Amino acid sequence: MIIEDSLIGVEAAHNANIEVAVIYDKYSDCNRKEIDELAQYQFRNFKEMLEYIENELGV
């Protein structure tokens, strides 16, 4: 899995057939629709992502 915040990074992960999680970045708002369509996971920040992982693992 790759963690990204930009469209170019999300596209690279998608093209390599690697799951991608995107962390919100206000500077990527102009590409938000494309980013969200390509990324398997979307998070507002790293804390939200870590909480999701902990819940998935049952930690």
PDB file of N, CA and C in Angstrom:
ATOM      1  N   MET A   1       0.834  -1.175   0.000  1.00  0.00           N
ATOM      2  CA  MET A   1       0.000   0.000   0.000  1.00  0.00           C
ATOM      3  C   MET A   1       0.883   1.245   0.000  1.00  0.00           C
ATOM      4  N   ILE A   2       0.425   2.223  -0.741  1.00  0.00           N
ATOM      5  CA  ILE A   2       1.118   3.503  -0.810  1.00  0.00           C
ATOM      6  C   ILE A   2       0.221   4.567  -0.189  1.00  0.00           C
ATOM      7  N   ILE A   3       0.829   5.486   0.554  1.00  0.00           N
ATOM      8  CA  ILE A   3       0.116   6.617   1.142  1.00  0.00           C
ATOM      9  C   ILE A   3       0.524   7.852   0.358  1.00  0.00           C
ATOM     10  N   GLU A   4      -0.462   8.578  -0.144  1.00  0.00           N
ATOM     11  CA  GLU A   4      -0.189   9.722  -1.017  1.00  0.00           C
ATOM     12  C   GLU A   4      -1.077  10.902  -0.664  1.00  0.00           C
ATOM     13  N   ASP A   5      -0.748  12.054  -1.241  1.00  0.00           N
ATOM     14  CA  ASP A   5      -1.585  13.238  -1.073  1.00  0.00           C
ATOM     15  C   ASP A   5      -1.754  14.017  -2.375  1.00  0.00           C
ATOM     16  N   SER A   6      -1.178  13.520  -3.462  1.00  0.00           N
ATOM     17  CA  SER A   6      -1.272  14.241  -4.730  1.00  0.00           C
ATOM     18  C   SER A   6      -1.774  13.322  -5.841  1.00  0.00           C
ATOM     19  N   LEU A   7      -2.338  13.929  -6.858  1.00  0.00           N
ATOM     20  CA  LEU A   7      -2.872  13.159  -7.979  1.00  0.00           C
ATOM     21  C   LEU A   7      -1.782  12.365  -8.673  1.00  0.00           C
ATOM     22  N   ILE A   8      -0.633  12.964  -8.904  1.00  0.00           N
ATOM     23  CA  ILE A   8       0.429  12.247  -9.611  1.00  0.00           C
ATOM     24  C   ILE A   8       0.875  11.003  -8.833  1.00  0.00           C
ATOM     25  N   GLY A   9       0.939  11.104  -7.510  1.00  0.00           N
ATOM     26  CA  GLY A   9       1.302   9.958  -6.691  1.00  0.00           C
ATOM     27  C   GLY A   9       0.232   8.886  -6.700  1.00  0.00           C
ATOM     28  N   VAL A  10      -1.019   9.310  -6.629  1.00  0.00           N
ATOM     29  CA  VAL A  10      -2.140   8.363  -6.669  1.00  0.00           C
ATOM     30  C   VAL A  10      -2.182   7.668  -8.024  1.00  0.00           C
ATOM     31  N   GLU A  11      -1.958   8.419  -9.092  1.00  0.00           N
ATOM     32  CA  GLU A  11      -1.939   7.823 -10.432  1.00  0.00           C
ATOM     33  C   GLU A  11      -0.807   6.802 -10.564  1.00  0.00           C
ATOM     34  N   ALA A  12       0.352   7.116 -10.027  1.00  0.00           N
ATOM     35  CA  ALA A  12       1.491   6.191 -10.099  1.00  0.00           C
ATOM     36  C   ALA A  12       1.165   4.885  -9.373  1.00  0.00           C
ATOM     37  N   ALA A  13       0.590   4.989  -8.187  1.00  0.00           N
ATOM     38  CA  ALA A  13       0.207   3.785  -7.431  1.00  0.00           C
ATOM     39  C   ALA A  13      -0.849   2.995  -8.198  1.00  0.00           C
ATOM     40  N   HIS A  14      -1.835   3.689  -8.710  1.00  0.00           N
ATOM     41  CA  HIS A  14      -2.914   3.036  -9.468  1.00  0.00           C
ATOM     42  C   HIS A  14      -2.349   2.316 -10.695  1.00  0.00           C
ATOM     43  N   ASN A  15      -1.465   2.977 -11.428  1.00  0.00           N
ATOM     44  CA  ASN A  15      -0.874   2.377 -12.627  1.00  0.00           C
ATOM     45  C   ASN A  15       0.019   1.181 -12.314  1.00  0.00           C
ATOM     46  N   ALA A  16       0.554   1.134 -11.099  1.00  0.00           N
ATOM     47  CA  ALA A  16       1.379   0.009 -10.669  1.00  0.00           C
ATOM     48  C   ALA A  16       0.545  -1.083  -9.998  1.00  0.00           C
ATOM     49  N   ASN A  17      -0.781  -0.895  -9.995  1.00  0.00           N
ATOM     50  CA  ASN A  17      -1.698  -1.852  -9.361  1.00  0.00           C
ATOM     51  C   ASN A  17      -1.400  -2.049  -7.878  1.00  0.00           C
ATOM     52  N   ILE A  18      -1.071  -0.951  -7.203  1.00  0.00           N
ATOM     53  CA  ILE A  18      -0.822  -0.961  -5.764  1.00  0.00           C
ATOM     54  C   ILE A  18      -1.948  -0.183  -5.099  1.00  0.00           C
ATOM     55  N   GLU A  19      -2.506  -0.747  -4.025  1.00  0.00           N
ATOM     56  CA  GLU A  19      -3.546  -0.022  -3.289  1.00  0.00           C
ATOM     57  C   GLU A  19      -2.976   1.285  -2.770  1.00  0.00           C
ATOM     58  N   VAL A  20      -3.826   2.313  -2.762  1.00  0.00           N
ATOM     59  CA  VAL A  20      -3.358   3.619  -2.320  1.00  0.00           C
ATOM     60  C   VAL A  20      -4.356   4.238  -1.341  1.00  0.00           C
ATOM     61  N   ALA A  21      -3.795   4.801  -0.290  1.00  0.00           N
ATOM     62  CA  ALA A  21      -4.557   5.583   0.680  1.00  0.00           C
ATOM     63  C   ALA A  21      -4.146   7.035   0.491  1.00  0.00           C
ATOM     64  N   VAL A  22      -5.116   7.909   0.455  1.00  0.00           N
ATOM     65  CA  VAL A  22      -4.809   9.319   0.269  1.00  0.00           C
ATOM     66  C   VAL A  22      -5.105  10.081   1.562  1.00  0.00           C
ATOM     67  N   ILE A  23      -4.150  10.927   1.921  1.00  0.00           N
ATOM     68  CA  ILE A  23      -4.290  11.828   3.062  1.00  0.00           C
ATOM     69  C   ILE A  23      -4.649  13.197   2.493  1.00  0.00           C
ATOM     70  N   TYR A  24      -5.682  13.801   3.044  1.00  0.00           N
ATOM     71  CA  TYR A  24      -6.143  15.095   2.537  1.00  0.00           C
ATOM     72  C   TYR A  24      -5.037  16.154   2.580  1.00  0.00           C
ATOM     73  N   ASP A  25      -4.953  16.898   1.497  1.00  0.00           N
ATOM     74  CA  ASP A  25      -4.039  18.032   1.398  1.00  0.00           C
ATOM     75  C   ASP A  25      -4.783  19.129   0.638  1.00  0.00           C
ATOM     76  N   LYS A  26      -4.961  20.285   1.262  1.00  0.00           N
ATOM     77  CA  LYS A  26      -5.741  21.352   0.637  1.00  0.00           C
ATOM     78  C   LYS A  26      -5.157  21.792  -0.704  1.00  0.00           C
ATOM     79  N   TYR A  27      -3.873  21.580  -0.914  1.00  0.00           N
ATOM     80  CA  TYR A  27      -3.245  21.993  -2.169  1.00  0.00           C
ATOM     81  C   TYR A  27      -3.609  21.057  -3.331  1.00  0.00           C
ATOM     82  N   SER A  28      -4.242  19.934  -3.014  1.00  0.00           N
ATOM     83  CA  SER A  28      -4.675  19.001  -4.049  1.00  0.00           C
ATOM     84  C   SER A  28      -6.183  19.072  -4.296  1.00  0.00           C
ATOM     85  N   ASP A  29      -6.850  20.076  -3.720  1.00  0.00           N
ATOM     86  CA  ASP A  29      -8.300  20.198  -3.887  1.00  0.00           C
ATOM     87  C   ASP A  29      -8.723  20.298  -5.349  1.00  0.00           C
ATOM     88  N   CYS A  30      -7.896  20.891  -6.174  1.00  0.00           N
ATOM     89  CA  CYS A  30      -8.255  21.037  -7.594  1.00  0.00           C
ATOM     90  C   CYS A  30      -8.334  19.676  -8.298  1.00  0.00           C
ATOM     91  N   ASN A  31      -7.723  18.649  -7.711  1.00  0.00           N
ATOM     92  CA  ASN A  31      -7.744  17.301  -8.283  1.00  0.00           C
ATOM     93  C   ASN A  31      -8.506  16.312  -7.401  1.00  0.00           C
ATOM     94  N   ARG A  32      -9.283  16.819  -6.441  1.00  0.00           N
ATOM     95  CA  ARG A  32      -9.922  15.961  -5.437  1.00  0.00           C
ATOM     96  C   ARG A  32     -10.775  14.862  -6.057  1.00  0.00           C
ATOM     97  N   LYS A  33     -11.590  15.188  -7.059  1.00  0.00           N
ATOM     98  CA  LYS A  33     -12.477  14.186  -7.662  1.00  0.00           C
ATOM     99  C   LYS A  33     -11.671  13.020  -8.238  1.00  0.00           C
ATOM    100  N   GLU A  34     -10.647  13.328  -9.002  1.00  0.00           N
ATOM    101  CA  GLU A  34      -9.821  12.283  -9.609  1.00  0.00           C
ATOM    102  C   GLU A  34      -9.085  11.470  -8.542  1.00  0.00           C
ATOM    103  N   ILE A  35      -8.561  12.156  -7.539  1.00  0.00           N
ATOM    104  CA  ILE A  35      -7.844  11.469  -6.454  1.00  0.00           C
ATOM    105  C   ILE A  35      -8.766  10.486  -5.753  1.00  0.00           C
ATOM    106  N   ASP A  36      -9.957  10.950  -5.380  1.00  0.00           N
ATOM    107  CA  ASP A  36     -10.894  10.093  -4.648  1.00  0.00           C
ATOM    108  C   ASP A  36     -11.402   8.930  -5.496  1.00  0.00           C
ATOM    109  N   GLU A  37     -11.486   9.118  -6.798  1.00  0.00           N
ATOM    110  CA  GLU A  37     -11.924   8.027  -7.677  1.00  0.00           C
ATOM    111  C   GLU A  37     -10.869   6.930  -7.786  1.00  0.00           C
ATOM    112  N   LEU A  38      -9.603   7.287  -7.727  1.00  0.00           N
ATOM    113  CA  LEU A  38      -8.527   6.314  -7.901  1.00  0.00           C
ATOM    114  C   LEU A  38      -8.068   5.658  -6.594  1.00  0.00           C
ATOM    115  N   ALA A  39      -8.182   6.371  -5.490  1.00  0.00           N
ATOM    116  CA  ALA A  39      -7.680   5.863  -4.206  1.00  0.00           C
ATOM    117  C   ALA A  39      -8.704   4.922  -3.563  1.00  0.00           C
ATOM    118  N   GLN A  40      -8.204   3.840  -2.979  1.00  0.00           N
ATOM    119  CA  GLN A  40      -9.078   2.902  -2.294  1.00  0.00           C
ATOM    120  C   GLN A  40      -9.497   3.402  -0.911  1.00  0.00           C
ATOM    121  N   TYR A  41      -8.678   4.254  -0.324  1.00  0.00           N
ATOM    122  CA  TYR A  41      -8.945   4.775   1.010  1.00  0.00           C
ATOM    123  C   TYR A  41      -8.701   6.276   1.012  1.00  0.00           C
ATOM    124  N   GLN A  42      -9.564   7.019   1.714  1.00  0.00           N
ATOM    125  CA  GLN A  42      -9.408   8.459   1.846  1.00  0.00           C
ATOM    126  C   GLN A  42      -9.460   8.821   3.334  1.00  0.00           C
ATOM    127  N   PHE A  43      -8.491   9.601   3.777  1.00  0.00           N
ATOM    128  CA  PHE A  43      -8.432  10.018   5.172  1.00  0.00           C
ATOM    129  C   PHE A  43      -8.190  11.518   5.244  1.00  0.00           C
ATOM    130  N   ARG A  44      -8.716  12.141   6.286  1.00  0.00           N
ATOM    131  CA  ARG A  44      -8.515  13.581   6.488  1.00  0.00           C
ATOM    132  C   ARG A  44      -7.128  13.887   7.016  1.00  0.00           C
ATOM    133  N   ASN A  45      -6.535  12.934   7.767  1.00  0.00           N
ATOM    134  CA  ASN A  45      -5.219  13.151   8.368  1.00  0.00           C
ATOM    135  C   ASN A  45      -4.632  11.807   8.795  1.00  0.00           C
ATOM    136  N   PHE A  46      -3.388  11.810   9.268  1.00  0.00           N
ATOM    137  CA  PHE A  46      -2.723  10.572   9.657  1.00  0.00           C
ATOM    138  C   PHE A  46      -3.380   9.944  10.879  1.00  0.00           C
ATOM    139  N   LYS A  47      -3.867  10.758  11.795  1.00  0.00           N
ATOM    140  CA  LYS A  47      -4.534  10.219  12.983  1.00  0.00           C
ATOM    141  C   LYS A  47      -5.745   9.387  12.580  1.00  0.00           C
ATOM    142  N   GLU A  48      -6.550   9.892  11.662  1.00  0.00           N
ATOM    143  CA  GLU A  48      -7.713   9.144  11.190  1.00  0.00           C
ATOM    144  C   GLU A  48      -7.285   7.831  10.534  1.00  0.00           C
ATOM    145  N   MET A  49      -6.220   7.867   9.759  1.00  0.00           N
ATOM    146  CA  MET A  49      -5.731   6.657   9.111  1.00  0.00           C
ATOM    147  C   MET A  49      -5.266   5.634  10.141  1.00  0.00           C
ATOM    148  N   LEU A  50      -4.522   6.072  11.145  1.00  0.00           N
ATOM    149  CA  LEU A  50      -4.035   5.159  12.180  1.00  0.00           C
ATOM    150  C   LEU A  50      -5.178   4.572  12.985  1.00  0.00           C
ATOM    151  N   GLU A  51      -6.196   5.359  13.274  1.00  0.00           N
ATOM    152  CA  GLU A  51      -7.370   4.838  13.976  1.00  0.00           C
ATOM    153  C   GLU A  51      -8.066   3.768  13.151  1.00  0.00           C
ATOM    154  N   TYR A  52      -8.166   3.975  11.854  1.00  0.00           N
ATOM    155  CA  TYR A  52      -8.765   2.985  10.965  1.00  0.00           C
ATOM    156  C   TYR A  52      -7.979   1.687  10.983  1.00  0.00           C
ATOM    157  N   ILE A  53      -6.660   1.799  10.911  1.00  0.00           N
ATOM    158  CA  ILE A  53      -5.808   0.607  10.926  1.00  0.00           C
ATOM    159  C   ILE A  53      -5.944  -0.130  12.249  1.00  0.00           C
ATOM    160  N   GLU A  54      -5.930   0.600  13.360  1.00  0.00           N
ATOM    161  CA  GLU A  54      -6.093  -0.029  14.677  1.00  0.00           C
ATOM    162  C   GLU A  54      -7.422  -0.754  14.772  1.00  0.00           C
ATOM    163  N   ASN A  55      -8.492  -0.150  14.275  1.00  0.00           N
ATOM    164  CA  ASN A  55      -9.800  -0.806  14.290  1.00  0.00           C
ATOM    165  C   ASN A  55      -9.817  -2.063  13.437  1.00  0.00           C
ATOM    166  N   GLU A  56      -9.182  -2.004  12.296  1.00  0.00           N
ATOM    167  CA  GLU A  56      -9.117  -3.170  11.413  1.00  0.00           C
ATOM    168  C   GLU A  56      -8.334  -4.312  12.045  1.00  0.00           C
ATOM    169  N   LEU A  57      -7.289  -3.966  12.779  1.00  0.00           N
ATOM    170  CA  LEU A  57      -6.455  -4.979  13.419  1.00  0.00           C
ATOM    171  C   LEU A  57      -6.990  -5.420  14.773  1.00  0.00           C
ATOM    172  N   GLY A  58      -7.968  -4.692  15.281  1.00  0.00           N
ATOM    173  CA  GLY A  58      -8.520  -5.021  16.590  1.00  0.00           C
ATOM    174  C   GLY A  58      -7.585  -4.657  17.731  1.00  0.00           C
ATOM    175  N   VAL A  59      -6.789  -3.617  17.540  1.00  0.00           N
ATOM    176  CA  VAL A  59      -5.826  -3.194  18.553  1.00  0.00           C
ATOM    177  C   VAL A  59      -6.474  -2.254  19.538  1.00  0.00           C
TER     178      VAL A  59
END
